């Protein structure tokens, strides 16, 4: 299986890291929301994708942007069934 969206792709420089974000907030790593991040954030997103595929639930239940950010940063899982 391949998951690709070149519309959100950017060139990665390991010395500078990345900042800013694009994509679905539910799949973003905590680092993406608070600081520069590395390609390791992609592994977080893949982990969330597998979590959804295995459990059938989205791990973060908040709908408001700021509440969802806090839930992700603090690692509080509150599932919403799909």
Protein backbone atom coordinates (compact mmCIF):
# COMPACT_ATOMS: atom_id res chain seq x y z
CA UNK A 1 0.00 0.00 0.00
CA UNK A 2 1.27 3.47 -0.82
CA UNK A 3 -0.09 6.69 0.64
CA UNK A 4 1.06 9.79 -1.17
CA UNK A 5 -0.18 13.36 -1.39
CA UNK A 6 2.34 15.51 -3.20
CA UNK A 7 0.12 18.54 -2.67
CA UNK A 8 1.32 18.58 0.96
CA UNK A 9 4.92 17.55 0.25
CA UNK A 10 7.85 19.82 1.04
CA UNK A 11 11.61 19.57 0.75
CA UNK A 12 13.19 18.45 4.02
CA UNK A 13 16.52 19.83 5.22
CA UNK A 14 17.75 17.75 8.24
CA UNK A 15 19.88 20.66 9.50
CA UNK A 16 16.99 23.13 9.62
CA UNK A 17 14.10 20.83 10.40
CA UNK A 18 10.58 21.84 9.41
CA UNK A 19 7.98 24.15 10.87
CA UNK A 20 4.43 25.03 10.03
CA UNK A 21 1.96 22.37 9.10
CA UNK A 22 -0.54 21.23 6.55
CA UNK A 23 -2.83 18.26 6.59
CA UNK A 24 -5.36 16.74 8.94
CA UNK A 25 -4.74 17.86 12.52
CA UNK A 26 -5.83 14.50 13.98
CA UNK A 27 -2.78 12.84 12.38
CA UNK A 28 -0.23 15.50 13.43
CA UNK A 29 2.49 14.76 15.97
CA UNK A 30 2.83 16.91 19.10
CA UNK A 31 6.11 18.33 17.74
CA UNK A 32 4.32 19.68 14.68
CA UNK A 33 2.05 21.74 16.90
CA UNK A 34 4.68 23.30 19.18
CA UNK A 35 8.12 23.44 17.54
CA UNK A 36 10.33 22.50 14.62
CA UNK A 37 9.93 18.87 13.73
CA UNK A 38 11.75 16.19 11.77
CA UNK A 39 10.78 13.39 9.44
CA UNK A 40 10.03 11.31 12.56
CA UNK A 41 6.65 13.06 12.67
CA UNK A 42 5.71 11.00 9.62
CA UNK A 43 6.05 7.86 11.75
CA UNK A 44 3.61 9.36 14.28
CA UNK A 45 1.09 9.94 11.49
CA UNK A 46 1.49 6.37 10.24
CA UNK A 47 0.97 5.14 13.81
CA UNK A 48 -2.29 7.10 14.05
CA UNK A 49 -3.37 5.66 10.69
CA UNK A 50 -2.71 2.10 11.94
CA UNK A 51 -4.53 2.88 15.20
CA UNK A 52 -7.61 3.93 13.21
CA UNK A 53 -7.38 0.88 10.96
CA UNK A 54 -7.06 -1.55 13.89
CA UNK A 55 -9.56 -0.05 16.34
CA UNK A 56 -12.00 1.63 13.96
CA UNK A 57 -11.80 4.74 16.14
CA UNK A 58 -10.15 8.15 15.84
CA UNK A 59 -7.95 8.56 18.95
CA UNK A 60 -8.77 12.23 19.60
CA UNK A 61 -12.35 13.29 20.26
CA UNK A 62 -12.09 17.08 20.43
CA UNK A 63 -13.59 19.01 17.54
CA UNK A 64 -12.34 22.51 18.41
CA UNK A 65 -8.85 23.31 17.14
CA UNK A 66 -7.29 24.47 20.43
CA UNK A 67 -8.82 21.64 22.48
CA UNK A 68 -7.61 19.10 19.92
CA UNK A 69 -4.10 20.60 20.01
CA UNK A 70 -4.00 20.22 23.81
CA UNK A 71 -5.27 16.66 23.60
CA UNK A 72 -2.53 15.72 21.10
CA UNK A 73 0.25 17.53 22.99
CA UNK A 74 -0.70 15.89 26.30
CA UNK A 75 -1.29 12.44 24.74
CA UNK A 76 -4.87 12.15 26.01
CA UNK A 77 -6.71 9.52 23.97
CA UNK A 78 -10.49 9.84 23.85
CA UNK A 79 -11.78 7.67 21.01
CA UNK A 80 -14.52 8.52 18.53
CA UNK A 81 -15.90 5.48 16.64
CA UNK A 82 -15.94 5.89 12.85
